Amino acid sequence: MEAAKLPRAPSYLPALAARLSMYQNQYGPAIMFLNDTLKSTHSPQLKNQLEMRLKTLIIMDDLEKKVHAFKQKFGVFPGKLADLVDKGLTESIPDDPYGGKFVLLENKRVYTTSKMIYKWK
């Protein structure tokens, strides 16, 4: 994240830094970083990419919080994300902005089948 703030840093670094933070289960720092980066981003194309990444991370963070709320309420983790809907913890599972599906991994982490790579239709 620090390298992405340096003058003349490659434009791909903010998205990469956010992805690496997500892999470390640190959505909060990635979300704050992208919010700050967007304030100083002037390229419309880069801005769109970072906004999509930010939206995805916010959804994943929210779903993970709901997975843990499920565990608190029912004493076990859900078997799949649809269980959050079935038990009333969320109205629906949001669409992945990249075109994939959000899934619950065996380790009870939320992930996306898109790997946060845009799928052209």
N, C-alpha and C. Protein backbone atom coordinates (compact mmCIF):
# COMPACT_ATOMS: atom_id res chain seq x y z
N MET A 1 0.82 -1.19 0.00
CA MET A 1 0.00 0.00 0.00
C MET A 1 0.87 1.26 0.00
N GLU A 2 1.96 1.20 0.74
CA GLU A 2 2.86 2.35 0.78
C GLU A 2 3.51 2.59 -0.58
N ALA A 3 3.89 1.52 -1.25
CA ALA A 3 4.52 1.65 -2.57
C ALA A 3 3.56 2.28 -3.57
N ALA A 4 2.28 1.99 -3.45
CA ALA A 4 1.28 2.54 -4.37
C ALA A 4 1.14 4.05 -4.22
N LYS A 5 1.55 4.58 -3.08
CA LYS A 5 1.44 6.02 -2.82
C LYS A 5 2.64 6.81 -3.35
N LEU A 6 3.69 6.14 -3.75
CA LEU A 6 4.89 6.81 -4.20
C LEU A 6 4.67 7.48 -5.57
N PRO A 7 5.35 8.58 -5.81
CA PRO A 7 5.24 9.22 -7.13
C PRO A 7 5.67 8.24 -8.23
N ARG A 8 4.98 8.28 -9.31
CA ARG A 8 5.26 7.43 -10.48
C ARG A 8 5.10 5.93 -10.21
N ALA A 9 4.36 5.58 -9.16
CA ALA A 9 4.08 4.16 -8.90
C ALA A 9 3.20 3.62 -10.03
N PRO A 10 3.39 2.38 -10.42
CA PRO A 10 2.54 1.80 -11.48
C PRO A 10 1.06 1.85 -11.09
N SER A 11 0.21 2.07 -12.07
CA SER A 11 -1.22 2.24 -11.80
C SER A 11 -1.89 0.97 -11.28
N TYR A 12 -1.27 -0.18 -11.47
CA TYR A 12 -1.88 -1.43 -11.00
C TYR A 12 -1.65 -1.66 -9.50
N LEU A 13 -0.75 -0.92 -8.87
CA LEU A 13 -0.40 -1.18 -7.47
C LEU A 13 -1.56 -1.02 -6.49
N PRO A 14 -2.42 0.00 -6.60
CA PRO A 14 -3.51 0.10 -5.62
C PRO A 14 -4.42 -1.14 -5.62
N ALA A 15 -4.79 -1.62 -6.80
CA ALA A 15 -5.66 -2.80 -6.87
C ALA A 15 -4.94 -4.03 -6.33
N LEU A 16 -3.65 -4.16 -6.64
CA LEU A 16 -2.87 -5.29 -6.14
C LEU A 16 -2.75 -5.23 -4.61
N ALA A 17 -2.49 -4.05 -4.08
CA ALA A 17 -2.36 -3.90 -2.63
C ALA A 17 -3.67 -4.27 -1.93
N ALA A 18 -4.79 -3.85 -2.50
CA ALA A 18 -6.09 -4.18 -1.91
C ALA A 18 -6.35 -5.69 -1.97
N ARG A 19 -5.97 -6.32 -3.08
CA ARG A 19 -6.14 -7.77 -3.22
C ARG A 19 -5.31 -8.51 -2.17
N LEU A 20 -4.07 -8.11 -2.01
CA LEU A 20 -3.20 -8.78 -1.03
C LEU A 20 -3.73 -8.60 0.39
N SER A 21 -4.26 -7.44 0.68
CA SER A 21 -4.85 -7.21 2.00
C SER A 21 -6.06 -8.12 2.21
N MET A 22 -6.87 -8.29 1.17
CA MET A 22 -8.03 -9.17 1.25
C MET A 22 -7.59 -10.61 1.51
N TYR A 23 -6.52 -11.05 0.86
CA TYR A 23 -6.02 -12.41 1.07
C TYR A 23 -5.56 -12.62 2.51
N GLN A 24 -5.20 -11.55 3.18
CA GLN A 24 -4.77 -11.63 4.58
C GLN A 24 -5.94 -11.42 5.53
N ASN A 25 -7.17 -11.42 4.99
CA ASN A 25 -8.38 -11.24 5.78
C ASN A 25 -8.39 -9.87 6.47
N GLN A 26 -7.90 -8.87 5.77
CA GLN A 26 -7.86 -7.51 6.30
C GLN A 26 -8.62 -6.59 5.35
N TYR A 27 -9.94 -6.71 5.40
CA TYR A 27 -10.78 -5.91 4.51
C TYR A 27 -10.75 -4.43 4.90
N GLY A 28 -10.76 -4.14 6.19
CA GLY A 28 -10.80 -2.76 6.67
C GLY A 28 -9.69 -1.91 6.10
N PRO A 29 -8.42 -2.32 6.25
CA PRO A 29 -7.34 -1.52 5.68
C PRO A 29 -7.44 -1.37 4.16
N ALA A 30 -7.86 -2.43 3.48
CA ALA A 30 -8.00 -2.35 2.02
C ALA A 30 -9.09 -1.37 1.63
N ILE A 31 -10.19 -1.39 2.34
CA ILE A 31 -11.30 -0.48 2.05
C ILE A 31 -10.88 0.97 2.31
N MET A 32 -10.23 1.22 3.43
CA MET A 32 -9.77 2.58 3.72
C MET A 32 -8.73 3.04 2.69
N PHE A 33 -7.83 2.17 2.34
CA PHE A 33 -6.81 2.49 1.36
C PHE A 33 -7.43 2.86 0.01
N LEU A 34 -8.37 2.06 -0.45
CA LEU A 34 -9.00 2.35 -1.75
C LEU A 34 -9.81 3.64 -1.69
N ASN A 35 -10.50 3.88 -0.58
CA ASN A 35 -11.24 5.14 -0.44
C ASN A 35 -10.29 6.32 -0.54
N ASP A 36 -9.16 6.25 0.14
CA ASP A 36 -8.18 7.34 0.09
C ASP A 36 -7.58 7.48 -1.31
N THR A 37 -7.26 6.35 -1.93
CA THR A 37 -6.66 6.37 -3.26
C THR A 37 -7.61 6.98 -4.28
N LEU A 38 -8.89 6.67 -4.16
CA LEU A 38 -9.88 7.21 -5.10
C LEU A 38 -9.95 8.73 -5.06
N LYS A 39 -9.69 9.31 -3.90
CA LYS A 39 -9.75 10.77 -3.77
C LYS A 39 -8.69 11.46 -4.63
N SER A 40 -7.59 10.78 -4.88
CA SER A 40 -6.52 11.41 -5.65
C SER A 40 -6.34 10.78 -7.03
N THR A 41 -7.28 9.96 -7.44
CA THR A 41 -7.20 9.31 -8.75
C THR A 41 -7.91 10.15 -9.79
N HIS A 42 -7.21 10.49 -10.85
CA HIS A 42 -7.78 11.35 -11.89
C HIS A 42 -8.14 10.58 -13.16
N SER A 43 -7.55 9.45 -13.35
CA SER A 43 -7.82 8.64 -14.54
C SER A 43 -9.19 7.99 -14.42
N PRO A 44 -10.11 8.28 -15.35
CA PRO A 44 -11.45 7.66 -15.28
C PRO A 44 -11.39 6.13 -15.32
N GLN A 45 -10.51 5.57 -16.14
CA GLN A 45 -10.42 4.11 -16.25
C GLN A 45 -9.92 3.50 -14.94
N LEU A 46 -8.88 4.07 -14.36
CA LEU A 46 -8.36 3.57 -13.09
C LEU A 46 -9.40 3.77 -11.98
N LYS A 47 -10.06 4.89 -11.99
CA LYS A 47 -11.09 5.17 -10.99
C LYS A 47 -12.19 4.11 -11.04
N ASN A 48 -12.63 3.76 -12.25
CA ASN A 48 -13.67 2.72 -12.40
C ASN A 48 -13.18 1.38 -11.86
N GLN A 49 -11.93 1.03 -12.16
CA GLN A 49 -11.38 -0.24 -11.68
C GLN A 49 -11.31 -0.26 -10.15
N LEU A 50 -10.85 0.83 -9.56
CA LEU A 50 -10.72 0.88 -8.11
C LEU A 50 -12.09 0.90 -7.43
N GLU A 51 -13.06 1.58 -8.03
CA GLU A 51 -14.41 1.59 -7.47
C GLU A 51 -15.03 0.20 -7.48
N MET A 52 -14.78 -0.55 -8.56
CA MET A 52 -15.29 -1.93 -8.64
C MET A 52 -14.63 -2.80 -7.57
N ARG A 53 -13.32 -2.64 -7.40
CA ARG A 53 -12.60 -3.41 -6.38
C ARG A 53 -13.12 -3.05 -4.99
N LEU A 54 -13.33 -1.76 -4.74
CA LEU A 54 -13.84 -1.29 -3.45
C LEU A 54 -15.23 -1.87 -3.17
N LYS A 55 -16.11 -1.80 -4.15
CA LYS A 55 -17.47 -2.34 -3.98
C LYS A 55 -17.42 -3.83 -3.64
N THR A 56 -16.56 -4.56 -4.33
CA THR A 56 -16.44 -6.00 -4.08
C THR A 56 -15.93 -6.27 -2.67
N LEU A 57 -14.93 -5.54 -2.24
CA LEU A 57 -14.38 -5.75 -0.89
C LEU A 57 -15.40 -5.39 0.19
N ILE A 58 -16.18 -4.35 -0.04
CA ILE A 58 -17.22 -3.98 0.93
C ILE A 58 -18.26 -5.10 1.04
N ILE A 59 -18.66 -5.66 -0.09
CA ILE A 59 -19.62 -6.78 -0.07
C ILE A 59 -19.02 -7.97 0.67
N MET A 60 -17.77 -8.32 0.36
CA MET A 60 -17.14 -9.48 1.00
C MET A 60 -16.98 -9.26 2.50
N ASP A 61 -16.62 -8.06 2.90
CA ASP A 61 -16.49 -7.74 4.32
C ASP A 61 -17.84 -7.89 5.02
N ASP A 62 -18.89 -7.38 4.40
CA ASP A 62 -20.23 -7.48 4.97
C ASP A 62 -20.67 -8.94 5.09
N LEU A 63 -20.43 -9.72 4.05
CA LEU A 63 -20.80 -11.14 4.09
C LEU A 63 -20.03 -11.89 5.17
N GLU A 64 -18.74 -11.60 5.30
CA GLU A 64 -17.95 -12.28 6.35
C GLU A 64 -18.48 -11.93 7.74
N LYS A 65 -18.86 -10.68 7.94
CA LYS A 65 -19.44 -10.28 9.23
C LYS A 65 -20.74 -11.04 9.48
N LYS A 66 -21.52 -11.23 8.45
CA LYS A 66 -22.78 -11.98 8.60
C LYS A 66 -22.53 -13.46 8.85
N VAL A 67 -21.47 -14.00 8.27
CA VAL A 67 -21.09 -15.40 8.54
C VAL A 67 -20.76 -15.55 10.03
N HIS A 68 -20.02 -14.59 10.58
CA HIS A 68 -19.66 -14.66 12.00
C HIS A 68 -20.87 -14.39 12.90
N ALA A 69 -21.80 -13.55 12.45
CA ALA A 69 -23.03 -13.32 13.20
C ALA A 69 -23.87 -14.61 13.23
N PHE A 70 -23.86 -15.35 12.13
CA PHE A 70 -24.55 -16.64 12.06
C PHE A 70 -23.97 -17.58 13.10
N LYS A 71 -22.63 -17.63 13.16
CA LYS A 71 -21.96 -18.50 14.14
C LYS A 71 -22.33 -18.10 15.56
N GLN A 72 -22.37 -16.80 15.84
CA GLN A 72 -22.75 -16.32 17.18
C GLN A 72 -24.17 -16.72 17.53
N LYS A 73 -25.05 -16.60 16.55
CA LYS A 73 -26.47 -16.83 16.80
C LYS A 73 -26.83 -18.32 16.88
N PHE A 74 -26.21 -19.13 16.01
CA PHE A 74 -26.61 -20.53 15.91
C PHE A 74 -25.57 -21.53 16.42
N GLY A 75 -24.38 -21.03 16.80
CA GLY A 75 -23.37 -21.90 17.36
C GLY A 75 -22.53 -22.67 16.36
N VAL A 76 -22.85 -22.54 15.09
CA VAL A 76 -22.09 -23.19 14.01
C VAL A 76 -21.99 -22.21 12.85
N PHE A 77 -20.99 -22.43 12.03
CA PHE A 77 -20.88 -21.62 10.82
C PHE A 77 -21.90 -22.11 9.80
N PRO A 78 -22.35 -21.23 8.92
CA PRO A 78 -23.24 -21.70 7.85
C PRO A 78 -22.48 -22.64 6.91
N GLY A 79 -23.21 -23.53 6.28
CA GLY A 79 -22.59 -24.43 5.31
C GLY A 79 -22.38 -23.77 3.97
N LYS A 80 -23.22 -22.79 3.67
CA LYS A 80 -23.13 -22.04 2.42
C LYS A 80 -23.72 -20.66 2.64
N LEU A 81 -23.42 -19.73 1.76
CA LEU A 81 -23.90 -18.36 1.94
C LEU A 81 -25.42 -18.27 1.90
N ALA A 82 -26.07 -19.16 1.15
CA ALA A 82 -27.53 -19.15 1.08
C ALA A 82 -28.16 -19.35 2.46
N ASP A 83 -27.43 -19.97 3.39
CA ASP A 83 -27.94 -20.15 4.76
C ASP A 83 -28.16 -18.81 5.45
N LEU A 84 -27.39 -17.79 5.07
CA LEU A 84 -27.58 -16.46 5.64
C LEU A 84 -28.94 -15.89 5.25
N VAL A 85 -29.35 -16.17 4.04
CA VAL A 85 -30.66 -15.74 3.55
C VAL A 85 -31.75 -16.57 4.23
N ASP A 86 -31.57 -17.88 4.25
CA ASP A 86 -32.57 -18.78 4.84
C ASP A 86 -32.86 -18.46 6.30
N LYS A 87 -31.84 -18.02 7.04
CA LYS A 87 -32.00 -17.73 8.47
C LYS A 87 -32.25 -16.25 8.75
N GLY A 88 -32.42 -15.46 7.70
CA GLY A 88 -32.81 -14.06 7.86
C GLY A 88 -31.70 -13.09 8.23
N LEU A 89 -30.44 -13.47 8.03
CA LEU A 89 -29.35 -12.54 8.34
C LEU A 89 -29.09 -11.55 7.21
N THR A 90 -29.59 -11.86 6.03
CA THR A 90 -29.50 -10.95 4.89
C THR A 90 -30.64 -11.26 3.93
N GLU A 91 -31.05 -10.27 3.16
CA GLU A 91 -32.16 -10.49 2.23
C GLU A 91 -31.73 -11.29 1.01
N SER A 92 -30.50 -11.08 0.58
CA SER A 92 -29.99 -11.80 -0.59
C SER A 92 -28.47 -11.75 -0.59
N ILE A 93 -27.89 -12.61 -1.40
CA ILE A 93 -26.44 -12.57 -1.60
C ILE A 93 -26.22 -11.64 -2.80
N PRO A 94 -25.49 -10.55 -2.60
CA PRO A 94 -25.30 -9.59 -3.70
C PRO A 94 -24.57 -10.21 -4.89
N ASP A 95 -24.77 -9.59 -6.03
CA ASP A 95 -24.04 -9.99 -7.23
C ASP A 95 -22.60 -9.50 -7.11
N ASP A 96 -21.68 -10.30 -7.61
CA ASP A 96 -20.28 -9.91 -7.67
C ASP A 96 -20.13 -8.90 -8.81
N PRO A 97 -19.60 -7.72 -8.53
CA PRO A 97 -19.43 -6.73 -9.59
C PRO A 97 -18.57 -7.21 -10.76
N TYR A 98 -17.73 -8.22 -10.52
CA TYR A 98 -16.87 -8.75 -11.57
C TYR A 98 -17.53 -9.85 -12.38
N GLY A 99 -18.72 -10.26 -12.00
CA GLY A 99 -19.44 -11.27 -12.76
C GLY A 99 -19.35 -12.68 -12.21
N GLY A 100 -18.61 -12.89 -11.14
CA GLY A 100 -18.52 -14.22 -10.52
C GLY A 100 -19.61 -14.41 -9.49
N LYS A 101 -19.43 -15.35 -8.62
CA LYS A 101 -20.36 -15.64 -7.52
C LYS A 101 -19.58 -15.62 -6.21
N PHE A 102 -20.21 -15.08 -5.18
CA PHE A 102 -19.62 -15.15 -3.86
C PHE A 102 -19.90 -16.53 -3.29
N VAL A 103 -18.87 -17.12 -2.68
CA VAL A 103 -18.99 -18.47 -2.13
C VAL A 103 -18.36 -18.49 -0.74
N LEU A 104 -18.75 -19.48 0.05
CA LEU A 104 -18.17 -19.71 1.36
C LEU A 104 -17.21 -20.88 1.25
N LEU A 105 -15.95 -20.61 1.50
CA LEU A 105 -14.93 -21.65 1.41
C LEU A 105 -14.99 -22.57 2.63
N GLU A 106 -14.28 -23.68 2.56
CA GLU A 106 -14.27 -24.64 3.68
C GLU A 106 -13.76 -24.02 4.97
N ASN A 107 -12.85 -23.04 4.85
CA ASN A 107 -12.31 -22.38 6.05
C ASN A 107 -13.23 -21.26 6.55
N LYS A 108 -14.42 -21.19 5.94
CA LYS A 108 -15.49 -20.24 6.32
C LYS A 108 -15.15 -18.80 5.95
N ARG A 109 -14.26 -18.63 5.00
CA ARG A 109 -13.97 -17.32 4.43
C ARG A 109 -14.84 -17.11 3.20
N VAL A 110 -15.25 -15.89 2.99
CA VAL A 110 -16.01 -15.54 1.80
C VAL A 110 -15.01 -15.26 0.68
N TYR A 111 -15.31 -15.77 -0.49
CA TYR A 111 -14.45 -15.57 -1.64
C TYR A 111 -15.33 -15.37 -2.86
N THR A 112 -14.73 -14.99 -3.96
CA THR A 112 -15.48 -14.83 -5.20
C THR A 112 -14.86 -15.68 -6.29
N THR A 113 -15.72 -16.30 -7.08
CA THR A 113 -15.23 -17.13 -8.17
C THR A 113 -14.58 -16.29 -9.27
N SER A 114 -14.84 -14.99 -9.27
CA SER A 114 -14.24 -14.11 -10.29
C SER A 114 -12.77 -13.81 -10.00
N LYS A 115 -12.35 -14.04 -8.76
CA LYS A 115 -10.99 -13.68 -8.31
C LYS A 115 -10.73 -12.19 -8.53
N MET A 116 -11.82 -11.41 -8.56
CA MET A 116 -11.78 -9.96 -8.78
C MET A 116 -11.10 -9.60 -10.09
N ILE A 117 -11.40 -10.40 -11.12
CA ILE A 117 -10.94 -10.14 -12.47
C ILE A 117 -12.20 -10.01 -13.32
N TYR A 118 -12.35 -8.89 -14.01
CA TYR A 118 -13.58 -8.64 -14.75
C TYR A 118 -13.76 -9.66 -15.86
N LYS A 119 -14.98 -10.21 -15.95
CA LYS A 119 -15.31 -11.15 -17.02
C LYS A 119 -16.11 -10.39 -18.08
N TRP A 120 -15.55 -10.27 -19.24
CA TRP A 120 -16.23 -9.57 -20.34
C TRP A 120 -17.37 -10.42 -20.86
N LYS A 121 -18.49 -9.78 -21.11
CA LYS A 121 -19.69 -10.52 -21.57
C LYS A 121 -19.83 -10.42 -23.05
